[in-house]
Amino acid sequence: MSTNSIIRTFDRKQLRGTMSNIDWDPQGRVCDIVGTIIEAILPGASIGSIVAITAPVASGHILAEVAGFRNERALLIPYSSVQGVAPGASVKGMKVLNQIHVGDHLLGRIIDPMMQPLFGPPLDAGERCDIAPLERESPNPMTRQRINKPFGLGIRAIDGLLTFGEGQRLGIMAGSGVGKSVMLGMMAKHSDADINVIGLIGERGREVREFIERDLGPEGLARSIVVVVTGDQSSLLRIRAAKVVTAIAEHFASKNKKVLLMMDSLTRVAMAQREIGLAVGEPPTTKGYPPSVFSLLPRLLERCGPQAVGSISGLYTVLVDGDDFNEPIADAARGILDGQIVLSRTLAARHHFPAIEVTNSISRVMHDIVDREHQDTAAHIKMLLGVYQENFDYVQIGSYQAGTNPPLDEAIRLMPAIEKFLKQERSEQSTYAASLANLAELINGPNRFDPNETHE
């Protein structure tokens, strides 16, 4: 059953996992409808209140959320289509949807933001679940543990040259079609996480099943919880999905689990908030994004990271508009996150996967979690990559004379081995220990590194 049908039929049994203490007061009525905004007279309502709007033409109720006020009228954003709603329709207040039931019963399941399964049998929480709030303050910074341990993601280029730490938050920045989702699937299958919590937010409907069956696979799904909301659904559902994913991750971290939170994509969450903000009358600022977008991002992202107990390691994809890595959301995300992985369309066009542009990527905690030898080796390889890229045209046309630039000579000699190290097939698994061993071999010559060799 789709999310839209669940919302529109408003069946109490179907929403039992997220709804309780239904309160039909206060009551009001719809006054006006403009685009996606419904104006209603609703005494006693406040920001974030959930209401049910009678839609007799559609034979049911439509859920909506109070997003603002104008001239003593509540501005309602619907969770689904407004088809069937007319002026004079009744509006009834509720006390629900701000909490979710979480527990081990969610493992291996694919759900929507209303905690309904998109596939398989109904969720049976029973007595094995806890109640988690969708809105929560970020942990006190003085109670957070420091990031001091590597967290293997199963991708050689990251584990070796851009080492990720347990509790770190990393942005994966790229344009469309460069391989972000495939990388997430590899990490979900091969990382050191106990549990993956994955949010597919604003995705094309076609890509959801592809990601789950092709990229994630049965192995990855078995230890994952996937929350899905497609791009054709309400902006409120996209915002809610981001909060649901974060709340689920917080629950498992509190059980002292090593949680890997993946959100694809943070940009579509920001776009959803832009839709809401502009609809209720917020002034547009940078490239049309209202202030509420830049308020939402830190509130959401700061909940991830080291916790007082357990950790939430975060991977957030950022879809850069027109491959502009300085566009507002990418720029804001860089200022909040603990580093970024930049994917290059040029590398992707050369069938170099994963298309990680190492010289423009950074892990801001790497120097705290790896030893000096690892740091020096990684820095040396990055230097060689930078020198080679700067002189690429001269080398390709044959105008460079060997011996005039020793670092470039070394880069040319090692480049076949470096490229072999940086490339990795989708099905190829690499542990953190193997990545370090491969990295050490890499410095000794182009014929020493074999990506298919295993290391204990």
Protein backbone atom coordinates (compact mmCIF):
# COMPACT_ATOMS: atom_id res chain seq x y z
CA MET A 1 0.00 0.00 0.00
CA SER A 2 1.35 3.43 -0.97
CA THR A 3 1.92 6.26 1.47
CA ASN A 4 -0.68 8.38 -0.30
CA SER A 5 -3.38 5.74 0.09
CA ILE A 6 -2.54 5.31 3.78
CA ILE A 7 -2.87 9.03 4.38
CA ARG A 8 -5.99 9.54 2.34
CA THR A 9 -7.99 6.66 3.82
CA PHE A 10 -6.91 7.66 7.34
CA ASP A 11 -7.40 4.17 8.71
CA ARG A 12 -6.50 4.03 12.42
CA LYS A 13 -5.28 0.45 12.26
CA GLN A 14 -2.88 1.23 9.41
CA LEU A 15 -1.42 4.20 11.26
CA ARG A 16 -1.32 2.51 14.65
CA GLY A 17 2.49 2.51 14.65
CA THR A 18 2.64 6.31 14.60
CA MET A 19 -0.70 7.56 15.91
CA SER A 20 -2.22 7.52 19.35
CA ASN A 21 -4.24 9.77 21.64
CA ILE A 22 -6.37 11.10 18.81
CA ASP A 23 -7.96 14.38 19.84
CA TRP A 24 -10.56 15.86 17.50
CA ASP A 25 -10.45 19.27 19.19
CA PRO A 26 -9.90 21.97 18.18
CA GLN A 27 -12.09 22.09 15.10
CA GLY A 28 -12.03 24.57 12.28
CA ARG A 29 -12.75 24.98 8.60
CA VAL A 30 -10.93 25.60 5.35
CA CYS A 31 -11.13 29.20 4.10
CA ASP A 32 -8.92 29.30 1.04
CA ILE A 33 -6.64 27.12 -1.09
CA VAL A 34 -3.76 28.58 -3.09
CA GLY A 35 -1.38 26.11 -4.75
CA THR A 36 -0.23 23.71 -2.05
CA ILE A 37 -1.23 26.00 0.82
CA ILE A 38 -4.55 25.55 2.60
CA GLU A 39 -5.69 28.45 4.77
CA ALA A 40 -7.94 27.54 7.66
CA ILE A 41 -9.52 29.09 10.72
CA LEU A 42 -8.28 26.79 13.47
CA PRO A 43 -8.33 28.14 17.03
CA GLY A 44 -5.68 26.71 19.35
CA ALA A 45 -3.38 25.40 16.61
CA SER A 46 0.38 25.92 16.77
CA ILE A 47 3.36 25.39 14.47
CA GLY A 48 3.80 21.67 13.86
CA SER A 49 0.22 20.74 14.78
CA ILE A 50 -1.19 17.88 12.69
CA VAL A 51 -4.73 18.16 11.37
CA ALA A 52 -7.16 15.98 9.43
CA ILE A 53 -9.07 17.76 6.65
CA THR A 54 -12.37 16.32 5.47
CA ALA A 55 -12.35 15.66 1.73
CA PRO A 56 -15.80 14.35 0.90
CA VAL A 57 -15.11 14.21 -2.84
CA ALA A 58 -12.14 11.93 -2.14
CA SER A 59 -14.11 9.88 0.41
CA GLY A 60 -11.68 10.28 3.26
CA HIS A 61 -9.42 12.59 5.21
CA ILE A 62 -6.19 14.29 4.27
CA LEU A 63 -3.48 14.91 6.83
CA ALA A 64 -1.77 18.30 6.90
CA GLU A 65 0.64 20.18 9.14
CA VAL A 66 0.48 23.75 10.40
CA ALA A 67 3.48 25.50 8.85
CA GLY A 68 2.67 29.12 9.66
CA PHE A 69 0.04 31.77 10.21
CA ARG A 70 -1.22 34.71 8.19
CA ASN A 71 -3.85 37.19 9.37
CA GLU A 72 -4.96 34.82 12.15
CA ARG A 73 -5.38 31.99 9.70
CA ALA A 74 -3.39 28.76 9.92
CA LEU A 75 -1.35 27.87 6.83
CA LEU A 76 -1.56 24.12 6.27
CA ILE A 77 0.80 22.02 4.12
CA PRO A 78 -0.84 18.72 3.10
CA TYR A 79 0.95 15.36 3.29
CA SER A 80 -0.68 14.32 0.02
CA SER A 81 -2.70 15.73 -2.87
CA VAL A 82 -5.35 18.35 -2.05
CA GLN A 83 -7.74 16.80 -4.56
CA GLY A 84 -11.26 16.89 -3.14
CA VAL A 85 -10.66 19.64 -0.55
CA ALA A 86 -12.92 22.68 -0.86
CA PRO A 87 -13.57 25.87 1.14
CA GLY A 88 -15.73 25.07 4.12
CA ALA A 89 -14.24 21.58 4.63
CA SER A 90 -13.85 20.73 8.30
CA VAL A 91 -10.44 20.64 9.93
CA LYS A 92 -9.87 18.59 13.07
CA GLY A 93 -6.79 18.80 15.25
CA MET A 94 -4.74 15.82 16.40
CA LYS A 95 -1.88 15.13 18.84
CA VAL A 96 0.04 12.65 16.74
CA LEU A 97 2.84 11.87 14.29
CA ASN A 98 5.64 13.45 16.35
CA GLN A 99 6.86 10.07 17.62
CA ILE A 100 7.68 6.73 16.03
CA HIS A 101 8.00 3.14 17.24
CA VAL A 102 11.53 1.80 16.73
CA GLY A 103 13.18 -1.53 17.43
CA ASP A 104 14.77 -4.61 15.92
CA HIS A 105 11.54 -5.37 14.06
CA LEU A 106 12.59 -2.68 11.54
CA LEU A 107 15.79 -4.49 10.46
CA GLY A 108 15.68 -5.63 6.86
CA ARG A 109 12.51 -3.65 6.17
CA ILE A 110 11.67 -0.97 3.60
CA ILE A 111 9.28 1.61 5.04
CA ASP A 112 7.81 5.00 4.22
CA PRO A 113 7.99 8.14 6.41
CA MET A 114 4.69 7.14 8.09
CA MET A 115 6.37 3.91 9.30
CA GLN A 116 4.35 1.75 6.91
CA PRO A 117 6.05 -1.11 5.00
CA LEU A 118 6.40 -0.65 1.25
CA PHE A 119 7.04 -4.36 0.83
CA GLY A 120 6.41 -7.46 2.88
CA PRO A 121 4.11 -8.15 5.83
CA PRO A 122 2.85 -5.46 8.22
CA LEU A 123 5.28 -4.30 10.89
CA ASP A 124 4.74 -6.05 14.19
CA ALA A 125 6.39 -3.94 16.88
CA GLY A 126 4.90 -5.85 19.81
CA GLU A 127 6.69 -5.20 23.08
CA ARG A 128 10.12 -5.14 21.48
CA CYS A 129 10.08 -1.49 20.47
CA ASP A 130 10.67 1.90 22.02
CA ILE A 131 9.12 5.26 21.25
CA ALA A 132 11.47 7.84 19.74
CA PRO A 133 10.70 11.54 19.14
CA LEU A 134 11.21 12.93 15.65
CA GLU A 135 12.46 16.25 17.01
CA ARG A 136 15.34 16.15 19.47
CA GLU A 137 18.10 18.51 20.49
CA SER A 138 21.62 17.57 19.45
CA PRO A 139 23.80 16.07 22.21
CA ASN A 140 25.64 18.35 24.61
CA PRO A 141 29.04 18.89 22.95
CA MET A 142 30.81 18.11 26.23
CA THR A 143 29.13 14.69 26.48
CA ARG A 144 30.14 13.64 22.98
CA GLN A 145 32.98 11.20 22.65
CA ARG A 146 35.92 12.30 20.52
CA ILE A 147 36.38 10.74 17.10
CA ASN A 148 39.47 8.60 17.59
CA LYS A 149 38.88 5.33 15.71
CA PRO A 150 38.88 4.55 11.97
CA PHE A 151 35.64 3.30 10.47
CA GLY A 152 36.19 1.12 7.41
CA LEU A 153 33.78 1.86 4.55
CA GLY A 154 34.98 -0.93 2.27
CA ILE A 155 36.24 1.43 -0.45
CA ARG A 156 40.04 1.48 -0.87
CA ALA A 157 40.33 5.09 -2.01
CA ILE A 158 38.48 6.34 1.09
CA ASP A 159 39.92 3.92 3.65
CA GLY A 160 43.46 4.54 2.44
CA LEU A 161 43.62 8.21 1.45
CA LEU A 162 40.56 9.84 3.07
CA THR A 163 40.12 7.72 6.18
CA PHE A 164 36.66 7.96 7.72
CA GLY A 165 36.25 7.98 11.50
CA GLU A 166 33.61 6.40 13.73
CA GLY A 167 31.13 9.21 14.41
CA GLN A 168 32.26 11.37 11.49
CA ARG A 169 29.82 13.10 9.13
CA LEU A 170 30.88 13.16 5.50
CA GLY A 171 29.33 14.73 2.42
CA ILE A 172 29.42 12.92 -0.93
CA MET A 173 29.23 15.73 -3.46
CA ALA A 174 28.56 15.24 -7.15
CA GLY A 175 26.28 16.05 -10.03
CA SER A 176 23.63 13.64 -11.19
CA GLY A 177 24.58 10.26 -12.62
CA VAL A 178 28.15 10.09 -11.29
CA GLY A 179 27.74 7.08 -9.00
CA LYS A 180 26.67 8.32 -5.57
CA SER A 181 24.00 5.67 -5.02
CA VAL A 182 26.26 2.83 -6.15
CA MET A 183 28.92 3.97 -3.65
CA LEU A 184 26.33 4.02 -0.86
CA GLY A 185 25.32 0.47 -1.69
CA MET A 186 28.95 -0.69 -1.56
CA MET A 187 29.44 0.97 1.82
CA ALA A 188 26.24 -0.53 3.21
CA LYS A 189 27.43 -4.02 2.26
CA HIS A 190 31.10 -3.77 3.19
CA SER A 191 31.46 -1.19 5.98
CA ASP A 192 32.23 -1.85 9.66
CA ALA A 193 28.72 -0.77 10.75
CA ASP A 194 26.49 -2.87 12.97
CA ILE A 195 23.37 -1.29 11.46
CA ASN A 196 22.72 0.85 8.38
CA VAL A 197 19.88 3.37 8.41
CA ILE A 198 19.30 4.55 4.85
CA GLY A 199 17.07 7.40 3.71
CA LEU A 200 16.19 7.51 -0.01
CA ILE A 201 14.67 10.98 -0.10
CA GLY A 202 13.25 12.49 -3.27
CA GLU A 203 14.49 9.61 -5.43
CA ARG A 204 13.02 8.65 -8.78
CA GLY A 205 10.58 5.80 -8.28
CA ARG A 206 12.46 3.68 -10.81
CA GLU A 207 15.72 3.93 -8.87
CA VAL A 208 14.40 2.74 -5.51
CA ARG A 209 14.10 -0.91 -6.41
CA GLU A 210 17.33 -0.77 -8.42
CA PHE A 211 19.21 0.52 -5.39
CA ILE A 212 17.73 -2.05 -3.01
CA GLU A 213 18.13 -5.10 -5.26
CA ARG A 214 21.24 -4.21 -7.29
CA ASP A 215 23.35 -1.90 -5.12
CA LEU A 216 22.31 -2.90 -1.59
CA GLY A 217 21.52 -6.55 -2.21
CA PRO A 218 20.24 -9.13 0.30
CA GLU A 219 23.49 -8.95 2.28
CA GLY A 220 23.25 -5.19 2.80
CA LEU A 221 19.49 -5.16 3.36
CA ALA A 222 19.71 -7.76 6.14
CA ARG A 223 21.41 -5.26 8.45
CA SER A 224 19.69 -2.15 7.10
CA ILE A 225 16.53 -0.12 7.59
CA VAL A 226 15.49 1.76 4.45
CA VAL A 227 13.14 4.75 4.55
CA VAL A 228 11.80 5.73 1.12
CA VAL A 229 9.96 8.80 -0.13
CA THR A 230 9.94 9.50 -3.86
CA GLY A 231 10.22 12.88 -5.56
CA ASP A 232 6.55 13.07 -6.49
CA GLN A 233 5.42 13.01 -2.85
CA SER A 234 4.77 15.91 -0.51
CA SER A 235 7.60 18.15 0.63
CA LEU A 236 6.44 17.46 4.20
CA LEU A 237 7.00 13.74 3.72
CA ARG A 238 10.53 14.39 2.46
CA ILE A 239 11.31 16.48 5.55
CA ARG A 240 9.69 13.86 7.76
CA ALA A 241 11.75 11.10 6.14
CA ALA A 242 14.98 12.90 7.09
CA LYS A 243 13.78 13.18 10.69
CA VAL A 244 12.62 9.53 10.78
CA VAL A 245 16.00 8.29 9.54
CA THR A 246 17.80 10.39 12.16
CA ALA A 247 15.48 9.26 14.98
CA ILE A 248 15.95 5.58 14.08
CA ALA A 249 19.73 6.04 14.04
CA GLU A 250 19.62 7.74 17.45
CA HIS A 251 17.67 4.81 18.89
CA PHE A 252 20.17 2.18 17.81
CA ALA A 253 23.13 4.34 18.85
CA SER A 254 21.61 4.54 22.34
CA LYS A 255 21.82 0.72 22.39
CA ASN A 256 25.60 1.08 21.95
CA LYS A 257 25.48 0.08 18.30
CA LYS A 258 27.83 1.35 15.61
CA VAL A 259 25.32 2.99 13.28
CA LEU A 260 25.95 4.18 9.72
CA LEU A 261 23.34 6.73 8.62
CA MET A 262 23.07 7.32 4.87
CA MET A 263 20.90 10.05 3.41
CA ASP A 264 20.42 10.37 -0.34
CA SER A 265 20.07 13.21 -0.75
CA LEU A 266 20.51 16.16 1.60
CA THR A 267 19.90 18.51 -1.31
CA ARG A 268 16.36 17.21 -1.82
CA VAL A 269 15.65 17.71 1.88
CA ALA A 270 16.75 21.33 1.47
CA MET A 271 14.60 21.70 -1.64
CA ALA A 272 11.59 20.36 0.26
CA GLN A 273 12.13 22.95 2.98
CA ARG A 274 12.49 25.61 0.29
CA GLU A 275 9.08 24.63 -1.11
CA ILE A 276 7.52 24.94 2.32
CA GLY A 277 9.27 28.18 3.22
CA LEU A 278 8.39 29.96 0.00
CA ALA A 279 4.81 28.69 0.14
CA VAL A 280 4.22 30.22 3.58
CA GLY A 281 5.77 33.52 2.58
CA GLU A 282 9.41 33.41 3.70
CA PRO A 283 11.65 35.80 1.78
CA PRO A 284 13.98 34.08 -0.71
CA THR A 285 17.68 34.65 -0.07
CA THR A 286 20.58 32.89 -1.82
CA LYS A 287 19.35 31.34 -5.09
CA GLY A 288 15.80 31.26 -3.80
CA TYR A 289 16.50 29.36 -0.59
CA PRO A 290 14.72 30.94 2.41
CA PRO A 291 16.34 31.27 5.85
CA SER A 292 14.53 28.21 7.24
CA VAL A 293 16.64 25.96 4.97
CA PHE A 294 19.87 27.12 6.55
CA SER A 295 18.30 26.71 9.98
CA LEU A 296 17.12 23.15 9.28
CA LEU A 297 20.45 21.80 8.03
CA PRO A 298 22.53 22.28 11.21
CA ARG A 299 19.63 21.12 13.43
CA LEU A 300 19.42 17.91 11.43
CA LEU A 301 23.12 17.24 10.89
CA GLU A 302 24.25 18.04 14.44
CA ARG A 303 22.13 15.18 15.76
CA CYS A 304 24.50 12.82 13.97
CA GLY A 305 28.00 12.09 15.25
CA PRO A 306 29.51 10.66 18.46
CA GLN A 307 26.88 10.20 21.15
CA ALA A 308 27.21 9.80 24.91
CA VAL A 309 26.66 6.09 24.21
CA GLY A 310 27.28 4.59 20.78
CA SER A 311 27.89 6.54 17.60
CA ILE A 312 26.15 7.66 14.44
CA SER A 313 28.48 7.93 11.46
CA GLY A 314 26.82 9.94 8.70
CA LEU A 315 27.11 9.91 4.92
CA TYR A 316 25.06 12.60 3.17
CA THR A 317 24.94 12.92 -0.59
CA VAL A 318 24.81 16.48 -1.91
CA LEU A 319 23.51 16.87 -5.46
CA VAL A 320 25.39 19.91 -6.78
CA ASP A 321 23.41 22.00 -9.24
CA GLY A 322 25.10 22.12 -12.62
CA ASP A 323 28.28 20.61 -11.13
CA ASP A 324 28.74 23.87 -9.23
CA PHE A 325 30.43 22.81 -6.00
CA ASN A 326 29.97 26.30 -4.54
CA GLU A 327 26.17 26.38 -4.83
CA PRO A 328 24.37 27.31 -1.56
CA ILE A 329 23.50 23.83 -0.21
CA ALA A 330 26.91 22.36 -1.00
CA ASP A 331 28.59 25.37 0.59
CA ALA A 332 26.38 25.18 3.71
CA ALA A 333 26.93 21.41 4.03
CA ARG A 334 30.71 21.81 3.82
CA GLY A 335 30.58 24.25 6.71
CA ILE A 336 28.73 21.75 8.93
CA LEU A 337 30.11 18.35 7.93
CA ASP A 338 33.50 16.87 8.83
CA GLY A 339 34.76 16.55 5.29
CA GLN A 340 33.65 15.78 1.77
CA ILE A 341 34.15 13.23 -0.98
CA VAL A 342 34.01 14.91 -4.39
CA LEU A 343 32.97 12.75 -7.35
CA SER A 344 34.24 13.83 -10.76
CA ARG A 345 32.17 13.62 -13.93
CA THR A 346 35.42 13.57 -15.91
CA LEU A 347 36.62 10.45 -14.09
CA ALA A 348 33.20 8.82 -14.47
CA ALA A 349 33.33 9.47 -18.22
CA ARG A 350 36.63 7.54 -18.32
CA HIS A 351 34.91 4.57 -16.59
CA HIS A 352 36.94 5.22 -13.47
CA PHE A 353 34.80 3.92 -10.59
CA PRO A 354 34.43 5.09 -7.92
CA ALA A 355 34.96 8.50 -9.52
CA ILE A 356 36.56 10.05 -6.43
CA GLU A 357 38.57 13.19 -7.07
CA VAL A 358 41.07 12.60 -4.27
CA THR A 359 42.88 15.94 -4.52
CA ASN A 360 39.66 17.92 -3.92
CA SER A 361 38.33 15.61 -1.18
CA ILE A 362 39.18 15.78 2.50
CA SER A 363 38.55 13.98 5.77
CA ARG A 364 38.91 16.53 8.56
CA VAL A 365 39.47 13.90 11.25
CA MET A 366 41.96 11.68 9.44
CA HIS A 367 44.98 13.13 11.26
CA ASP A 368 43.37 12.20 14.61
CA ILE A 369 42.63 8.56 13.80
CA VAL A 370 45.58 7.19 11.80
CA ASP A 371 49.25 6.78 12.65
CA ARG A 372 52.04 8.99 11.29
CA GLU A 373 53.20 6.46 8.70
CA HIS A 374 49.69 6.22 7.24
CA GLN A 375 49.40 10.02 7.15
CA ASP A 376 52.73 10.43 5.39
CA THR A 377 51.98 7.73 2.82
CA ALA A 378 48.55 9.16 2.02
CA ALA A 379 49.94 12.70 1.79
CA HIS A 380 52.69 11.53 -0.57
CA ILE A 381 50.25 9.83 -2.92
CA LYS A 382 47.98 12.90 -2.91
CA MET A 383 51.02 15.03 -3.78
CA LEU A 384 51.86 12.74 -6.69
CA LEU A 385 48.28 12.89 -7.95
CA GLY A 386 48.32 16.69 -7.75
CA VAL A 387 51.64 16.96 -9.63
CA TYR A 388 50.44 14.55 -12.31
CA GLN A 389 47.14 16.40 -12.81
CA GLU A 390 48.92 19.75 -13.11
CA ASN A 391 51.19 18.39 -15.86
CA PHE A 392 48.74 15.95 -17.45
CA ASP A 393 48.57 17.73 -20.82
CA TYR A 394 52.36 17.95 -21.15
CA VAL A 395 52.76 14.26 -20.36
CA GLN A 396 50.03 13.19 -22.78
CA ILE A 397 51.40 15.10 -25.77
CA GLY A 398 54.95 13.94 -25.01
CA SER A 399 56.46 17.38 -24.41
CA TYR A 400 57.72 16.54 -20.92
CA GLN A 401 61.39 15.57 -20.71
CA ALA A 402 62.06 12.91 -18.09
CA GLY A 403 64.39 13.93 -15.29
CA THR A 404 63.46 17.62 -15.16
CA ASN A 405 60.91 17.18 -12.37
CA PRO A 406 61.66 14.28 -9.96
CA PRO A 407 58.19 14.26 -8.26
CA LEU A 408 56.55 14.15 -11.69
CA ASP A 409 58.88 11.32 -12.73
CA GLU A 410 57.78 9.36 -9.68
CA ALA A 411 54.13 10.17 -10.38
CA ILE A 412 54.43 8.93 -13.97
CA ARG A 413 56.12 5.74 -12.79
CA LEU A 414 53.52 5.01 -10.10
CA MET A 415 50.39 6.25 -11.90
CA PRO A 416 49.32 2.82 -13.28
CA ALA A 417 49.49 1.37 -9.76
CA ILE A 418 47.78 4.41 -8.21
CA GLU A 419 44.90 4.18 -10.68
CA LYS A 420 44.59 0.46 -10.02
CA PHE A 421 44.42 1.21 -6.29
CA LEU A 422 41.78 3.91 -6.75
CA LYS A 423 39.53 1.83 -9.01
CA GLN A 424 37.22 -0.76 -7.48
CA GLU A 425 34.52 -2.91 -8.98
CA ARG A 426 31.03 -2.76 -7.46
CA SER A 427 31.22 -6.35 -6.29
CA GLU A 428 34.79 -6.06 -4.99
CA GLN A 429 35.11 -6.09 -1.21
CA SER A 430 38.03 -4.43 0.53
CA THR A 431 38.61 -4.35 4.25
CA TYR A 432 40.29 -1.48 6.07
CA ALA A 433 43.32 -3.67 6.86
CA ALA A 434 43.64 -4.71 3.21
CA SER A 435 43.47 -1.08 2.09
CA LEU A 436 46.37 -0.16 4.40
CA ALA A 437 48.45 -3.09 3.16
CA ASN A 438 47.75 -2.16 -0.47
CA LEU A 439 48.66 1.45 0.28
CA ALA A 440 52.03 0.41 1.74
CA GLU A 441 52.79 -1.75 -1.32
CA LEU A 442 51.82 1.05 -3.67
CA ILE A 443 54.77 3.23 -2.74
CA ASN A 444 57.24 0.43 -3.59
CA GLY A 445 56.42 0.27 -7.28
CA PRO A 446 53.70 -0.17 -9.92
CA ASN A 447 54.05 -3.94 -10.16
CA ARG A 448 53.70 -4.70 -6.47
CA PHE A 449 50.04 -3.83 -5.94
CA ASP A 450 47.43 -6.47 -6.72
CA PRO A 451 43.87 -5.44 -5.73
CA ASN A 452 42.75 -9.07 -5.78
CA GLU A 453 45.31 -10.11 -3.18
CA THR A 454 43.84 -10.57 0.29
CA HIS A 455 45.49 -9.42 3.51
CA GLU A 456 44.79 -10.57 7.03
